[in-house]
Amino acid sequence: MEITALLFKNPIVIITLLVILTTKLFPPKNINSLYGYRTANSMKNKVNWDFAQKYSTNLFLLLLTFLLFVQVIAYTIYGSTTFTECSIFAGLVLCIAIVLYQTERKLKHNQFKHDE
């Protein structure tokens, strides 16, 4: 089966990448509870909010691009198997965890400089 067909058979990485690209192109300007990177630290003040939106989006784009590359390689080598599908899903969960951990760490590290 062609790689493109396999990617669209399991489009979770592509869909997530498109959502993050939309967030990059149209970032939330004000603190809100609907759209953007929303945690207690990111919503403390406008400086944290702006930083968290930019940092998390850029990190997510980097990680998802890498995961898409891994997905293509996995499909090329193994095809569409349960192992491949579960690995891609696990990779996506790992990307989310990395973004959360790194963004929160950066927010806490920079908090004393921008506390309002």
C-alpha atoms as a PDB file:
ATOM      1  CA  MET A   1       0.000   0.000   0.000  1.00  0.00           C
ATOM      2  CA  GLU A   2       1.236   3.480  -0.806  1.00  0.00           C
ATOM      3  CA  ILE A   3       2.593   5.616   2.071  1.00  0.00           C
ATOM      4  CA  THR A   4       0.126   8.447   1.411  1.00  0.00           C
ATOM      5  CA  ALA A   5      -2.809   6.055   1.675  1.00  0.00           C
ATOM      6  CA  LEU A   6      -1.414   4.680   4.937  1.00  0.00           C
ATOM      7  CA  LEU A   7      -0.960   8.185   6.359  1.00  0.00           C
ATOM      8  CA  PHE A   8      -4.580   8.996   5.576  1.00  0.00           C
ATOM      9  CA  LYS A   9      -5.715   5.669   6.978  1.00  0.00           C
ATOM     10  CA  ASN A  10      -4.344   6.823  10.351  1.00  0.00           C
ATOM     11  CA  PRO A  11      -4.359  10.648  10.040  1.00  0.00           C
ATOM     12  CA  ILE A  12      -3.991  11.495  13.753  1.00  0.00           C
ATOM     13  CA  VAL A  13      -0.504  13.010  13.350  1.00  0.00           C
ATOM     14  CA  ILE A  14      -1.503  14.964  10.239  1.00  0.00           C
ATOM     15  CA  ILE A  15      -4.678  16.287  11.891  1.00  0.00           C
ATOM     16  CA  THR A  16      -2.770  17.287  15.037  1.00  0.00           C
ATOM     17  CA  LEU A  17      -0.114  18.963  12.904  1.00  0.00           C
ATOM     18  CA  LEU A  18      -2.812  20.936  11.054  1.00  0.00           C
ATOM     19  CA  VAL A  19      -4.401  22.041  14.340  1.00  0.00           C
ATOM     20  CA  ILE A  20      -1.020  23.210  15.655  1.00  0.00           C
ATOM     21  CA  LEU A  21      -0.290  25.031  12.373  1.00  0.00           C
ATOM     22  CA  THR A  22      -3.643  26.793  12.727  1.00  0.00           C
ATOM     23  CA  THR A  23      -2.683  27.780  16.274  1.00  0.00           C
ATOM     24  CA  LYS A  24       0.642  29.097  14.965  1.00  0.00           C
ATOM     25  CA  LEU A  25      -1.039  31.147  12.238  1.00  0.00           C
ATOM     26  CA  PHE A  26      -3.875  32.386  14.466  1.00  0.00           C
ATOM     27  CA  PRO A  27      -2.569  32.422  18.049  1.00  0.00           C
ATOM     28  CA  PRO A  28      -4.963  33.333  20.840  1.00  0.00           C
ATOM     29  CA  LYS A  29      -4.311  36.961  21.694  1.00  0.00           C
ATOM     30  CA  ASN A  30      -6.047  37.067  25.058  1.00  0.00           C
ATOM     31  CA  ILE A  31      -6.150  34.660  27.975  1.00  0.00           C
ATOM     32  CA  ASN A  32      -9.152  32.391  27.490  1.00  0.00           C
ATOM     33  CA  SER A  33     -10.406  28.972  28.528  1.00  0.00           C
ATOM     34  CA  LEU A  34     -11.189  27.681  25.024  1.00  0.00           C
ATOM     35  CA  TYR A  35      -8.220  27.995  22.704  1.00  0.00           C
ATOM     36  CA  GLY A  36      -4.458  27.689  23.114  1.00  0.00           C
ATOM     37  CA  TYR A  37      -2.052  26.311  25.680  1.00  0.00           C
ATOM     38  CA  ARG A  38      -4.108  26.536  28.888  1.00  0.00           C
ATOM     39  CA  THR A  39      -2.610  25.684  32.261  1.00  0.00           C
ATOM     40  CA  ALA A  40      -2.633  27.497  35.586  1.00  0.00           C
ATOM     41  CA  ASN A  41       0.883  28.854  34.966  1.00  0.00           C
ATOM     42  CA  SER A  42       0.180  29.982  31.415  1.00  0.00           C
ATOM     43  CA  MET A  43      -2.998  31.788  32.466  1.00  0.00           C
ATOM     44  CA  LYS A  44      -1.437  33.693  35.391  1.00  0.00           C
ATOM     45  CA  ASN A  45      -0.673  36.769  33.326  1.00  0.00           C
ATOM     46  CA  LYS A  46      -0.374  38.037  29.771  1.00  0.00           C
ATOM     47  CA  VAL A  47       3.415  37.604  29.616  1.00  0.00           C
ATOM     48  CA  ASN A  48       3.144  33.926  30.599  1.00  0.00           C
ATOM     49  CA  TRP A  49       0.226  33.456  28.209  1.00  0.00           C
ATOM     50  CA  ASP A  50       2.060  34.901  25.214  1.00  0.00           C
ATOM     51  CA  PHE A  51       5.235  32.972  25.998  1.00  0.00           C
ATOM     52  CA  ALA A  52       3.381  29.663  26.484  1.00  0.00           C
ATOM     53  CA  GLN A  53       1.470  30.038  23.209  1.00  0.00           C
ATOM     54  CA  LYS A  54       4.594  30.687  21.177  1.00  0.00           C
ATOM     55  CA  TYR A  55       6.890  28.198  22.917  1.00  0.00           C
ATOM     56  CA  SER A  56       4.449  25.269  23.043  1.00  0.00           C
ATOM     57  CA  THR A  57       3.355  25.745  19.427  1.00  0.00           C
ATOM     58  CA  ASN A  58       6.922  25.853  18.121  1.00  0.00           C
ATOM     59  CA  LEU A  59       7.960  22.817  20.179  1.00  0.00           C
ATOM     60  CA  PHE A  60       4.854  20.895  19.116  1.00  0.00           C
ATOM     61  CA  LEU A  61       5.525  21.670  15.434  1.00  0.00           C
ATOM     62  CA  LEU A  62       9.076  20.389  15.764  1.00  0.00           C
ATOM     63  CA  LEU A  63       8.053  17.189  17.558  1.00  0.00           C
ATOM     64  CA  LEU A  64       5.101  16.459  15.265  1.00  0.00           C
ATOM     65  CA  THR A  65       7.225  16.939  12.152  1.00  0.00           C
ATOM     66  CA  PHE A  66       9.679  14.409  13.574  1.00  0.00           C
ATOM     67  CA  LEU A  67       6.816  12.047  14.478  1.00  0.00           C
ATOM     68  CA  LEU A  68       5.398  12.321  10.948  1.00  0.00           C
ATOM     69  CA  PHE A  69       8.841  11.401   9.603  1.00  0.00           C
ATOM     70  CA  VAL A  70       8.963   8.410  11.978  1.00  0.00           C
ATOM     71  CA  GLN A  71       5.457   7.416  10.894  1.00  0.00           C
ATOM     72  CA  VAL A  72       6.479   7.406   7.219  1.00  0.00           C
ATOM     73  CA  ILE A  73       9.551   5.295   8.013  1.00  0.00           C
ATOM     74  CA  ALA A  74       7.511   2.885  10.150  1.00  0.00           C
ATOM     75  CA  TYR A  75       4.943   2.442   7.376  1.00  0.00           C
ATOM     76  CA  THR A  76       7.720   1.943   4.825  1.00  0.00           C
ATOM     77  CA  ILE A  77       9.410  -0.758   6.901  1.00  0.00           C
ATOM     78  CA  TYR A  78       6.512  -2.485   8.666  1.00  0.00           C
ATOM     79  CA  GLY A  79       3.377  -1.440   6.797  1.00  0.00           C
ATOM     80  CA  SER A  80       0.109  -0.903   8.609  1.00  0.00           C
ATOM     81  CA  THR A  81       0.237  -3.211  11.622  1.00  0.00           C
ATOM     82  CA  THR A  82      -1.259  -2.946  15.064  1.00  0.00           C
ATOM     83  CA  PHE A  83       2.243  -2.374  16.431  1.00  0.00           C
ATOM     84  CA  THR A  84       2.843   0.511  14.013  1.00  0.00           C
ATOM     85  CA  GLU A  85      -0.496   2.130  14.794  1.00  0.00           C
ATOM     86  CA  CYS A  86      -0.002   1.824  18.568  1.00  0.00           C
ATOM     87  CA  SER A  87       3.557   3.131  18.290  1.00  0.00           C
ATOM     88  CA  ILE A  88       2.391   6.230  16.442  1.00  0.00           C
ATOM     89  CA  PHE A  89      -0.301   6.859  19.035  1.00  0.00           C
ATOM     90  CA  ALA A  90       2.241   6.355  21.855  1.00  0.00           C
ATOM     91  CA  GLY A  91       4.563   8.794  20.060  1.00  0.00           C
ATOM     92  CA  LEU A  92       1.797  11.391  19.954  1.00  0.00           C
ATOM     93  CA  VAL A  93       1.108  10.962  23.680  1.00  0.00           C
ATOM     94  CA  LEU A  94       4.853  11.310  24.325  1.00  0.00           C
ATOM     95  CA  CYS A  95       4.943  14.519  22.244  1.00  0.00           C
ATOM     96  CA  ILE A  96       2.099  15.970  24.324  1.00  0.00           C
ATOM     97  CA  ALA A  97       3.882  15.033  27.553  1.00  0.00           C
ATOM     98  CA  ILE A  98       7.139  16.602  26.351  1.00  0.00           C
ATOM     99  CA  VAL A  99       5.375  19.840  25.346  1.00  0.00           C
ATOM    100  CA  LEU A 100       3.590  20.059  28.700  1.00  0.00           C
ATOM    101  CA  TYR A 101       6.725  19.310  30.718  1.00  0.00           C
ATOM    102  CA  GLN A 102       9.035  21.627  28.786  1.00  0.00           C
ATOM    103  CA  THR A 103       6.593  24.540  28.597  1.00  0.00           C
ATOM    104  CA  GLU A 104       5.748  24.347  32.303  1.00  0.00           C
ATOM    105  CA  ARG A 105       9.444  24.100  33.160  1.00  0.00           C
ATOM    106  CA  LYS A 106      10.201  27.198  31.081  1.00  0.00           C
ATOM    107  CA  LEU A 107       7.264  29.080  32.600  1.00  0.00           C
ATOM    108  CA  LYS A 108       8.417  28.282  36.148  1.00  0.00           C
ATOM    109  CA  HIS A 109      12.004  29.212  35.301  1.00  0.00           C
ATOM    110  CA  ASN A 110      10.989  32.588  33.847  1.00  0.00           C
ATOM    111  CA  GLN A 111       8.228  33.301  36.370  1.00  0.00           C
ATOM    112  CA  PHE A 112      10.305  35.422  38.750  1.00  0.00           C
ATOM    113  CA  LYS A 113      11.220  37.741  35.874  1.00  0.00           C
ATOM    114  CA  HIS A 114       7.658  38.397  34.749  1.00  0.00           C
ATOM    115  CA  ASP A 115       5.438  37.967  37.818  1.00  0.00           C
ATOM    116  CA  GLU A 116       2.722  40.613  37.909  1.00  0.00           C
END
